[in-house]
Amino acid sequence: MKRWFYTTDVIEQACGDAERAWGPNAEVYRCEHCQTLYLPNPEEAKVNVAGGGIISVFGLTLPPKAK
């Protein structure tokens, strides 16, 4: 899945549905396989758009970044 910048999408520029529904700066993701659109879960903290991750199986644990 990748972030979809719909304001630069030619098809979206022609119809404008996504911009009307979510506004010009919404964070929207699109599946590269099926083209389904996803919005981030508003209940989750916006720390990392790639997800929380997992502890390394190789024994390497890094401290979290300072906010």
PDB file of N, CA and C in Angstrom:
ATOM      1  N   MET A   1       0.840  -1.167   0.000  1.00  0.00           N
ATOM      2  CA  MET A   1       0.000   0.000   0.000  1.00  0.00           C
ATOM      3  C   MET A   1       0.892   1.239   0.000  1.00  0.00           C
ATOM      4  N   LYS A   2       0.493   2.238  -0.744  1.00  0.00           N
ATOM      5  CA  LYS A   2       1.240   3.492  -0.812  1.00  0.00           C
ATOM      6  C   LYS A   2       0.307   4.658  -0.555  1.00  0.00           C
ATOM      7  N   ARG A   3       0.900   5.739  -0.101  1.00  0.00           N
ATOM      8  CA  ARG A   3       0.125   6.961   0.064  1.00  0.00           C
ATOM      9  C   ARG A   3      -0.301   7.434  -1.317  1.00  0.00           C
ATOM     10  N   TRP A   4      -1.552   7.823  -1.456  1.00  0.00           N
ATOM     11  CA  TRP A   4      -2.093   8.241  -2.744  1.00  0.00           C
ATOM     12  C   TRP A   4      -2.275   9.749  -2.732  1.00  0.00           C
ATOM     13  N   PHE A   5      -1.549  10.428  -3.592  1.00  0.00           N
ATOM     14  CA  PHE A   5      -1.669  11.880  -3.716  1.00  0.00           C
ATOM     15  C   PHE A   5      -2.691  12.160  -4.816  1.00  0.00           C
ATOM     16  N   TYR A   6      -3.961  12.135  -4.420  1.00  0.00           N
ATOM     17  CA  TYR A   6      -5.061  12.198  -5.380  1.00  0.00           C
ATOM     18  C   TYR A   6      -5.170  13.529  -6.096  1.00  0.00           C
ATOM     19  N   THR A   7      -4.621  14.592  -5.550  1.00  0.00           N
ATOM     20  CA  THR A   7      -4.717  15.883  -6.222  1.00  0.00           C
ATOM     21  C   THR A   7      -3.873  15.924  -7.490  1.00  0.00           C
ATOM     22  N   THR A   8      -2.910  15.001  -7.642  1.00  0.00           N
ATOM     23  CA  THR A   8      -2.104  14.940  -8.859  1.00  0.00           C
ATOM     24  C   THR A   8      -2.546  13.807  -9.787  1.00  0.00           C
ATOM     25  N   ASP A   9      -3.550  13.037  -9.390  1.00  0.00           N
ATOM     26  CA  ASP A   9      -4.060  11.939 -10.203  1.00  0.00           C
ATOM     27  C   ASP A   9      -4.968  12.505 -11.306  1.00  0.00           C
ATOM     28  N   VAL A  10      -4.675  12.179 -12.559  1.00  0.00           N
ATOM     29  CA  VAL A  10      -5.414  12.737 -13.697  1.00  0.00           C
ATOM     30  C   VAL A  10      -6.899  12.387 -13.642  1.00  0.00           C
ATOM     31  N   ILE A  11      -7.210  11.134 -13.315  1.00  0.00           N
ATOM     32  CA  ILE A  11      -8.616  10.718 -13.249  1.00  0.00           C
ATOM     33  C   ILE A  11      -9.332  11.440 -12.111  1.00  0.00           C
ATOM     34  N   GLU A  12      -8.669  11.571 -10.972  1.00  0.00           N
ATOM     35  CA  GLU A  12      -9.285  12.265  -9.833  1.00  0.00           C
ATOM     36  C   GLU A  12      -9.464  13.745 -10.138  1.00  0.00           C
ATOM     37  N   GLN A  13      -8.543  14.355 -10.854  1.00  0.00           N
ATOM     38  CA  GLN A  13      -8.691  15.768 -11.208  1.00  0.00           C
ATOM     39  C   GLN A  13      -9.936  15.990 -12.060  1.00  0.00           C
ATOM     40  N   ALA A  14     -10.259  14.999 -12.915  1.00  0.00           N
ATOM     41  CA  ALA A  14     -11.418  15.130 -13.786  1.00  0.00           C
ATOM     42  C   ALA A  14     -12.735  15.058 -13.019  1.00  0.00           C
ATOM     43  N   CYS A  15     -12.811  14.165 -12.000  1.00  0.00           N
ATOM     44  CA  CYS A  15     -14.086  14.016 -11.286  1.00  0.00           C
ATOM     45  C   CYS A  15     -14.105  14.739  -9.939  1.00  0.00           C
ATOM     46  N   GLY A  16     -13.007  14.732  -9.199  1.00  0.00           N
ATOM     47  CA  GLY A  16     -12.923  15.467  -7.935  1.00  0.00           C
ATOM     48  C   GLY A  16     -13.640  14.836  -6.751  1.00  0.00           C
ATOM     49  N   ASP A  17     -14.041  13.566  -6.864  1.00  0.00           N
ATOM     50  CA  ASP A  17     -14.796  12.922  -5.786  1.00  0.00           C
ATOM     51  C   ASP A  17     -14.032  12.841  -4.474  1.00  0.00           C
ATOM     52  N   ALA A  18     -12.769  12.422  -4.520  1.00  0.00           N
ATOM     53  CA  ALA A  18     -11.986  12.258  -3.295  1.00  0.00           C
ATOM     54  C   ALA A  18     -11.768  13.603  -2.601  1.00  0.00           C
ATOM     55  N   GLU A  19     -11.468  14.617  -3.370  1.00  0.00           N
ATOM     56  CA  GLU A  19     -11.243  15.938  -2.766  1.00  0.00           C
ATOM     57  C   GLU A  19     -12.525  16.486  -2.143  1.00  0.00           C
ATOM     58  N   ARG A  20     -13.660  16.275  -2.793  1.00  0.00           N
ATOM     59  CA  ARG A  20     -14.945  16.720  -2.217  1.00  0.00           C
ATOM     60  C   ARG A  20     -15.265  15.958  -0.934  1.00  0.00           C
ATOM     61  N   ALA A  21     -14.954  14.670  -0.907  1.00  0.00           N
ATOM     62  CA  ALA A  21     -15.297  13.842   0.253  1.00  0.00           C
ATOM     63  C   ALA A  21     -14.383  14.097   1.442  1.00  0.00           C
ATOM     64  N   TRP A  22     -13.079  14.238   1.193  1.00  0.00           N
ATOM     65  CA  TRP A  22     -12.117  14.283   2.297  1.00  0.00           C
ATOM     66  C   TRP A  22     -11.325  15.578   2.390  1.00  0.00           C
ATOM     67  N   GLY A  23     -11.452  16.481   1.439  1.00  0.00           N
ATOM     68  CA  GLY A  23     -10.697  17.726   1.451  1.00  0.00           C
ATOM     69  C   GLY A  23      -9.385  17.588   0.701  1.00  0.00           C
ATOM     70  N   PRO A  24      -8.710  18.706   0.447  1.00  0.00           N
ATOM     71  CA  PRO A  24      -7.508  18.705  -0.391  1.00  0.00           C
ATOM     72  C   PRO A  24      -6.261  18.125   0.273  1.00  0.00           C
ATOM     73  N   ASN A  25      -6.232  17.995   1.586  1.00  0.00           N
ATOM     74  CA  ASN A  25      -5.016  17.538   2.270  1.00  0.00           C
ATOM     75  C   ASN A  25      -5.206  16.260   3.070  1.00  0.00           C
ATOM     76  N   ALA A  26      -6.209  15.454   2.733  1.00  0.00           N
ATOM     77  CA  ALA A  26      -6.464  14.219   3.484  1.00  0.00           C
ATOM     78  C   ALA A  26      -5.353  13.199   3.236  1.00  0.00           C
ATOM     79  N   GLU A  27      -5.086  12.398   4.255  1.00  0.00           N
ATOM     80  CA  GLU A  27      -4.100  11.325   4.153  1.00  0.00           C
ATOM     81  C   GLU A  27      -4.840  10.074   3.667  1.00  0.00           C
ATOM     82  N   VAL A  28      -4.603   9.694   2.412  1.00  0.00           N
ATOM     83  CA  VAL A  28      -5.299   8.575   1.786  1.00  0.00           C
ATOM     84  C   VAL A  28      -4.261   7.585   1.263  1.00  0.00           C
ATOM     85  N   TYR A  29      -4.529   6.299   1.475  1.00  0.00           N
ATOM     86  CA  TYR A  29      -3.628   5.245   0.989  1.00  0.00           C
ATOM     87  C   TYR A  29      -4.373   4.395  -0.030  1.00  0.00           C
ATOM     88  N   ARG A  30      -3.611   3.852  -0.997  1.00  0.00           N
ATOM     89  CA  ARG A  30      -4.217   3.066  -2.066  1.00  0.00           C
ATOM     90  C   ARG A  30      -3.461   1.756  -2.247  1.00  0.00           C
ATOM     91  N   CYS A  31      -4.202   0.651  -2.285  1.00  0.00           N
ATOM     92  CA  CYS A  31      -3.601  -0.652  -2.523  1.00  0.00           C
ATOM     93  C   CYS A  31      -3.116  -0.699  -3.968  1.00  0.00           C
ATOM     94  N   GLU A  32      -1.864  -1.104  -4.161  1.00  0.00           N
ATOM     95  CA  GLU A  32      -1.307  -1.165  -5.511  1.00  0.00           C
ATOM     96  C   GLU A  32      -1.903  -2.310  -6.314  1.00  0.00           C
ATOM     97  N   HIS A  33      -2.453  -3.310  -5.645  1.00  0.00           N
ATOM     98  CA  HIS A  33      -3.003  -4.474  -6.338  1.00  0.00           C
ATOM     99  C   HIS A  33      -4.455  -4.247  -6.775  1.00  0.00           C
ATOM    100  N   CYS A  34      -5.318  -3.892  -5.827  1.00  0.00           N
ATOM    101  CA  CYS A  34      -6.752  -3.789  -6.139  1.00  0.00           C
ATOM    102  C   CYS A  34      -7.259  -2.348  -6.250  1.00  0.00           C
ATOM    103  N   GLN A  35      -6.400  -1.372  -5.977  1.00  0.00           N
ATOM    104  CA  GLN A  35      -6.736   0.053  -6.072  1.00  0.00           C
ATOM    105  C   GLN A  35      -7.746   0.528  -5.023  1.00  0.00           C
ATOM    106  N   THR A  36      -7.980  -0.267  -3.969  1.00  0.00           N
ATOM    107  CA  THR A  36      -8.880   0.137  -2.895  1.00  0.00           C
ATOM    108  C   THR A  36      -8.255   1.285  -2.115  1.00  0.00           C
ATOM    109  N   LEU A  37      -9.075   2.261  -1.725  1.00  0.00           N
ATOM    110  CA  LEU A  37      -8.599   3.410  -0.964  1.00  0.00           C
ATOM    111  C   LEU A  37      -8.833   3.179   0.525  1.00  0.00           C
ATOM    112  N   TYR A  38      -7.875   3.619   1.338  1.00  0.00           N
ATOM    113  CA  TYR A  38      -7.958   3.480   2.789  1.00  0.00           C
ATOM    114  C   TYR A  38      -7.620   4.800   3.449  1.00  0.00           C
ATOM    115  N   LEU A  39      -8.348   5.118   4.512  1.00  0.00           N
ATOM    116  CA  LEU A  39      -8.043   6.274   5.347  1.00  0.00           C
ATOM    117  C   LEU A  39      -7.420   5.751   6.630  1.00  0.00           C
ATOM    118  N   PRO A  40      -6.507   6.511   7.258  1.00  0.00           N
ATOM    119  CA  PRO A  40      -5.926   6.060   8.524  1.00  0.00           C
ATOM    120  C   PRO A  40      -6.987   5.986   9.619  1.00  0.00           C
ATOM    121  N   ASN A  41      -6.757   5.106  10.579  1.00  0.00           N
ATOM    122  CA  ASN A  41      -7.673   4.971  11.711  1.00  0.00           C
ATOM    123  C   ASN A  41      -7.514   6.193  12.613  1.00  0.00           C
ATOM    124  N   PRO A  42      -8.567   6.979  12.816  1.00  0.00           N
ATOM    125  CA  PRO A  42      -8.445   8.195  13.636  1.00  0.00           C
ATOM    126  C   PRO A  42      -8.180   7.914  15.118  1.00  0.00           C
ATOM    127  N   GLU A  43      -8.433   6.683  15.570  1.00  0.00           N
ATOM    128  CA  GLU A  43      -8.229   6.342  16.981  1.00  0.00           C
ATOM    129  C   GLU A  43      -6.771   5.997  17.297  1.00  0.00           C
ATOM    130  N   GLU A  44      -5.973   5.690  16.282  1.00  0.00           N
ATOM    131  CA  GLU A  44      -4.575   5.351  16.503  1.00  0.00           C
ATOM    132  C   GLU A  44      -3.732   6.620  16.539  1.00  0.00           C
ATOM    133  N   ALA A  45      -2.705   6.589  17.376  1.00  0.00           N
ATOM    134  CA  ALA A  45      -1.785   7.723  17.446  1.00  0.00           C
ATOM    135  C   ALA A  45      -1.007   7.814  16.143  1.00  0.00           C
ATOM    136  N   LYS A  46      -0.752   9.022  15.675  1.00  0.00           N
ATOM    137  CA  LYS A  46      -0.026   9.212  14.420  1.00  0.00           C
ATOM    138  C   LYS A  46       1.467   9.325  14.690  1.00  0.00           C
ATOM    139  N   VAL A  47       2.055   8.233  15.143  1.00  0.00           N
ATOM    140  CA  VAL A  47       3.484   8.220  15.428  1.00  0.00           C
ATOM    141  C   VAL A  47       4.275   7.827  14.190  1.00  0.00           C
ATOM    142  N   ASN A  48       3.819   6.779  13.516  1.00  0.00           N
ATOM    143  CA  ASN A  48       4.544   6.259  12.371  1.00  0.00           C
ATOM    144  C   ASN A  48       3.534   5.710  11.380  1.00  0.00           C
ATOM    145  N   VAL A  49       3.481   6.254  10.166  1.00  0.00           N
ATOM    146  CA  VAL A  49       2.497   5.805   9.187  1.00  0.00           C
ATOM    147  C   VAL A  49       2.769   4.395   8.696  1.00  0.00           C
ATOM    148  N   ALA A  50       3.977   3.875   8.922  1.00  0.00           N
ATOM    149  CA  ALA A  50       4.306   2.517   8.494  1.00  0.00           C
ATOM    150  C   ALA A  50       3.898   1.484   9.539  1.00  0.00           C
ATOM    151  N   GLY A  51       3.420   1.923  10.683  1.00  0.00           N
ATOM    152  CA  GLY A  51       3.001   0.989  11.727  1.00  0.00           C
ATOM    153  C   GLY A  51       3.979   0.978  12.891  1.00  0.00           C
ATOM    154  N   GLY A  52       3.598   0.272  13.909  1.00  0.00           N
ATOM    155  CA  GLY A  52       4.407   0.229  15.124  1.00  0.00           C
ATOM    156  C   GLY A  52       5.647  -0.623  15.017  1.00  0.00           C
ATOM    157  N   GLY A  53       5.634  -1.590  14.090  1.00  0.00           N
ATOM    158  CA  GLY A  53       6.799  -2.453  13.928  1.00  0.00           C
ATOM    159  C   GLY A  53       6.833  -3.558  14.968  1.00  0.00           C
ATOM    160  N   ILE A  54       7.903  -4.358  14.948  1.00  0.00           N
ATOM    161  CA  ILE A  54       8.073  -5.456  15.885  1.00  0.00           C
ATOM    162  C   ILE A  54       9.496  -5.429  16.429  1.00  0.00           C
ATOM    163  N   ILE A  55       9.704  -6.118  17.535  1.00  0.00           N
ATOM    164  CA  ILE A  55      11.048  -6.221  18.104  1.00  0.00           C
ATOM    165  C   ILE A  55      11.880  -7.111  17.195  1.00  0.00           C
ATOM    166  N   SER A  56      13.096  -6.742  16.969  1.00  0.00           N
ATOM    167  CA  SER A  56      13.976  -7.473  16.073  1.00  0.00           C
ATOM    168  C   SER A  56      14.185  -8.909  16.528  1.00  0.00           C
ATOM    169  N   VAL A  57      14.135  -9.847  15.586  1.00  0.00           N
ATOM    170  CA  VAL A  57      14.392 -11.252  15.893  1.00  0.00           C
ATOM    171  C   VAL A  57      15.894 -11.514  16.016  1.00  0.00           C
ATOM    172  N   PHE A  58      16.711 -10.525  15.672  1.00  0.00           N
ATOM    173  CA  PHE A  58      18.155 -10.670  15.736  1.00  0.00           C
ATOM    174  C   PHE A  58      18.730 -10.156  17.040  1.00  0.00           C
ATOM    175  N   GLY A  59      17.872  -9.737  17.976  1.00  0.00           N
ATOM    176  CA  GLY A  59      18.322  -9.300  19.291  1.00  0.00           C
ATOM    177  C   GLY A  59      18.697  -7.834  19.354  1.00  0.00           C
ATOM    178  N   LEU A  60      18.529  -7.102  18.283  1.00  0.00           N
ATOM    179  CA  LEU A  60      18.878  -5.681  18.257  1.00  0.00           C
ATOM    180  C   LEU A  60      17.635  -4.892  18.654  1.00  0.00           C
ATOM    181  N   THR A  61      17.733  -4.150  19.730  1.00  0.00           N
ATOM    182  CA  THR A  61      16.627  -3.311  20.167  1.00  0.00           C
ATOM    183  C   THR A  61      17.120  -1.884  20.280  1.00  0.00           C
ATOM    184  N   LEU A  62      16.484  -0.994  19.559  1.00  0.00           N
ATOM    185  CA  LEU A  62      16.872   0.408  19.572  1.00  0.00           C
ATOM    186  C   LEU A  62      15.885   1.207  20.414  1.00  0.00           C
ATOM    187  N   PRO A  63      16.374   2.201  21.118  1.00  0.00           N
ATOM    188  CA  PRO A  63      15.448   3.035  21.893  1.00  0.00           C
ATOM    189  C   PRO A  63      14.582   3.859  20.954  1.00  0.00           C
ATOM    190  N   PRO A  64      13.364   4.229  21.374  1.00  0.00           N
ATOM    191  CA  PRO A  64      12.507   5.036  20.514  1.00  0.00           C
ATOM    192  C   PRO A  64      13.098   6.428  20.310  1.00  0.00           C
ATOM    193  N   LYS A  65      12.729   7.052  19.199  1.00  0.00           N
ATOM    194  CA  LYS A  65      13.202   8.400  18.899  1.00  0.00           C
ATOM    195  C   LYS A  65      12.546   9.396  19.844  1.00  0.00           C
ATOM    196  N   ALA A  66      13.283  10.444  20.148  1.00  0.00           N
ATOM    197  CA  ALA A  66      12.731  11.515  21.003  1.00  0.00           C
ATOM    198  C   ALA A  66      11.669  12.261  20.215  1.00  0.00           C
ATOM    199  N   LYS A  67      10.598  12.648  20.881  1.00  0.00           N
ATOM    200  CA  LYS A  67       9.498  13.362  20.201  1.00  0.00           C
ATOM    201  C   LYS A  67       9.806  14.820  20.062  1.00  0.00           C
TER     202      LYS A  67
END
